[in-house]
Amino acid sequence: MIKDNNTDKTWISLIEDAEFRSAIASLYDFTVETDADCDMAYDWVCDQANCSSFVCDQPAWDMFYSVWEQAAE
């Protein structure tokens, strides 16, 4: 669980979801093999993790972007 110190609300991030973590673990290879841009990689992770979006989930977004950025270089 993650607690937002500004709002004092708690929530569960997708980084705690096994399907999301599995998609992130495969993201580097997917990006290198397909030369995926950020949008394509994002859509692929959503498909693999069976989620509609994670752009508002800051920890999940940061995890995704870090892996995608390394692979895209």
C-alpha atoms as a PDB file:
ATOM      1  CA  MET A   1       0.000   0.000   0.000  1.00  0.00           C
ATOM      2  CA  ILE A   2       1.081   3.491  -0.722  1.00  0.00           C
ATOM      3  CA  LYS A   3       0.140   6.521   1.331  1.00  0.00           C
ATOM      4  CA  ASP A   4      -0.122   9.956  -0.203  1.00  0.00           C
ATOM      5  CA  ASN A   5       1.288  12.323   2.403  1.00  0.00           C
ATOM      6  CA  ASN A   6      -0.507  15.306   0.869  1.00  0.00           C
ATOM      7  CA  THR A   7      -4.014  13.814   0.991  1.00  0.00           C
ATOM      8  CA  ASP A   8      -3.460  11.182   3.701  1.00  0.00           C
ATOM      9  CA  LYS A   9      -5.155   8.611   1.427  1.00  0.00           C
ATOM     10  CA  THR A  10      -3.822   5.092   0.905  1.00  0.00           C
ATOM     11  CA  TRP A  11      -4.071   3.016  -2.249  1.00  0.00           C
ATOM     12  CA  ILE A  12      -2.596  -0.053  -3.872  1.00  0.00           C
ATOM     13  CA  SER A  13      -0.254   0.531  -6.790  1.00  0.00           C
ATOM     14  CA  LEU A  14       0.041  -1.774  -9.773  1.00  0.00           C
ATOM     15  CA  ILE A  15       3.662  -2.324  -8.767  1.00  0.00           C
ATOM     16  CA  GLU A  16       2.187  -4.781  -6.264  1.00  0.00           C
ATOM     17  CA  ASP A  17       0.376  -6.710  -9.037  1.00  0.00           C
ATOM     18  CA  ALA A  18       2.103  -9.868 -10.334  1.00  0.00           C
ATOM     19  CA  GLU A  19       0.854  -9.425 -13.921  1.00  0.00           C
ATOM     20  CA  PHE A  20       2.114  -5.845 -14.031  1.00  0.00           C
ATOM     21  CA  ARG A  21       5.520  -6.830 -12.647  1.00  0.00           C
ATOM     22  CA  SER A  22       5.727  -9.652 -15.196  1.00  0.00           C
ATOM     23  CA  ALA A  23       4.958  -7.225 -18.017  1.00  0.00           C
ATOM     24  CA  ILE A  24       7.616  -4.817 -16.765  1.00  0.00           C
ATOM     25  CA  ALA A  25      10.117  -7.683 -16.547  1.00  0.00           C
ATOM     26  CA  SER A  26       9.501  -8.417 -20.252  1.00  0.00           C
ATOM     27  CA  LEU A  27       9.276  -4.782 -21.353  1.00  0.00           C
ATOM     28  CA  TYR A  28      12.983  -4.287 -22.070  1.00  0.00           C
ATOM     29  CA  ASP A  29      13.129  -7.193 -24.529  1.00  0.00           C
ATOM     30  CA  PHE A  30       9.822  -6.212 -26.131  1.00  0.00           C
ATOM     31  CA  THR A  31      11.030  -2.655 -26.694  1.00  0.00           C
ATOM     32  CA  VAL A  32      14.384  -3.704 -28.136  1.00  0.00           C
ATOM     33  CA  GLU A  33      12.881  -6.378 -30.411  1.00  0.00           C
ATOM     34  CA  THR A  34      10.063  -4.191 -31.769  1.00  0.00           C
ATOM     35  CA  ASP A  35      11.678  -0.742 -31.533  1.00  0.00           C
ATOM     36  CA  ALA A  36       8.533   0.273 -29.632  1.00  0.00           C
ATOM     37  CA  ASP A  37       7.926   3.941 -28.945  1.00  0.00           C
ATOM     38  CA  CYS A  38       6.570   4.950 -25.550  1.00  0.00           C
ATOM     39  CA  ASP A  39       2.911   4.741 -26.618  1.00  0.00           C
ATOM     40  CA  MET A  40       3.317   1.291 -28.153  1.00  0.00           C
ATOM     41  CA  ALA A  41       5.184   0.024 -25.093  1.00  0.00           C
ATOM     42  CA  TYR A  42       2.529   1.502 -22.780  1.00  0.00           C
ATOM     43  CA  ASP A  43      -0.276  -0.191 -24.703  1.00  0.00           C
ATOM     44  CA  TRP A  44       1.641  -3.480 -24.640  1.00  0.00           C
ATOM     45  CA  VAL A  45       2.135  -3.325 -20.866  1.00  0.00           C
ATOM     46  CA  CYS A  46      -1.566  -2.556 -20.361  1.00  0.00           C
ATOM     47  CA  ASP A  47      -2.456  -5.540 -22.546  1.00  0.00           C
ATOM     48  CA  GLN A  48      -0.032  -7.879 -20.785  1.00  0.00           C
ATOM     49  CA  ALA A  49      -1.068  -6.699 -17.312  1.00  0.00           C
ATOM     50  CA  ASN A  50      -4.795  -6.702 -18.096  1.00  0.00           C
ATOM     51  CA  CYS A  51      -5.215  -3.097 -16.986  1.00  0.00           C
ATOM     52  CA  SER A  52      -6.810  -0.184 -18.783  1.00  0.00           C
ATOM     53  CA  SER A  53      -4.346   2.474 -17.620  1.00  0.00           C
ATOM     54  CA  PHE A  54      -1.609   3.199 -15.122  1.00  0.00           C
ATOM     55  CA  VAL A  55      -0.564   6.692 -16.104  1.00  0.00           C
ATOM     56  CA  CYS A  56      -2.017   8.128 -12.861  1.00  0.00           C
ATOM     57  CA  ASP A  57      -0.213   5.504 -10.757  1.00  0.00           C
ATOM     58  CA  GLN A  58       3.074   7.369 -10.251  1.00  0.00           C
ATOM     59  CA  PRO A  59       5.142   4.437  -8.913  1.00  0.00           C
ATOM     60  CA  ALA A  60       3.930   2.183 -11.757  1.00  0.00           C
ATOM     61  CA  TRP A  61       4.520   4.898 -14.357  1.00  0.00           C
ATOM     62  CA  ASP A  62       8.029   5.568 -13.022  1.00  0.00           C
ATOM     63  CA  MET A  63       8.852   1.847 -13.125  1.00  0.00           C
ATOM     64  CA  PHE A  64       7.537   1.568 -16.692  1.00  0.00           C
ATOM     65  CA  TYR A  65       9.275   4.685 -17.959  1.00  0.00           C
ATOM     66  CA  SER A  66      12.611   3.779 -16.420  1.00  0.00           C
ATOM     67  CA  VAL A  67      12.662   0.400 -18.157  1.00  0.00           C
ATOM     68  CA  TRP A  68      11.332   1.750 -21.454  1.00  0.00           C
ATOM     69  CA  GLU A  69      13.823   4.629 -21.483  1.00  0.00           C
ATOM     70  CA  GLN A  70      16.778   2.284 -20.933  1.00  0.00           C
ATOM     71  CA  ALA A  71      15.617  -0.024 -23.715  1.00  0.00           C
ATOM     72  CA  ALA A  72      14.883   2.817 -26.133  1.00  0.00           C
ATOM     73  CA  GLU A  73      18.406   4.264 -25.910  1.00  0.00           C
END
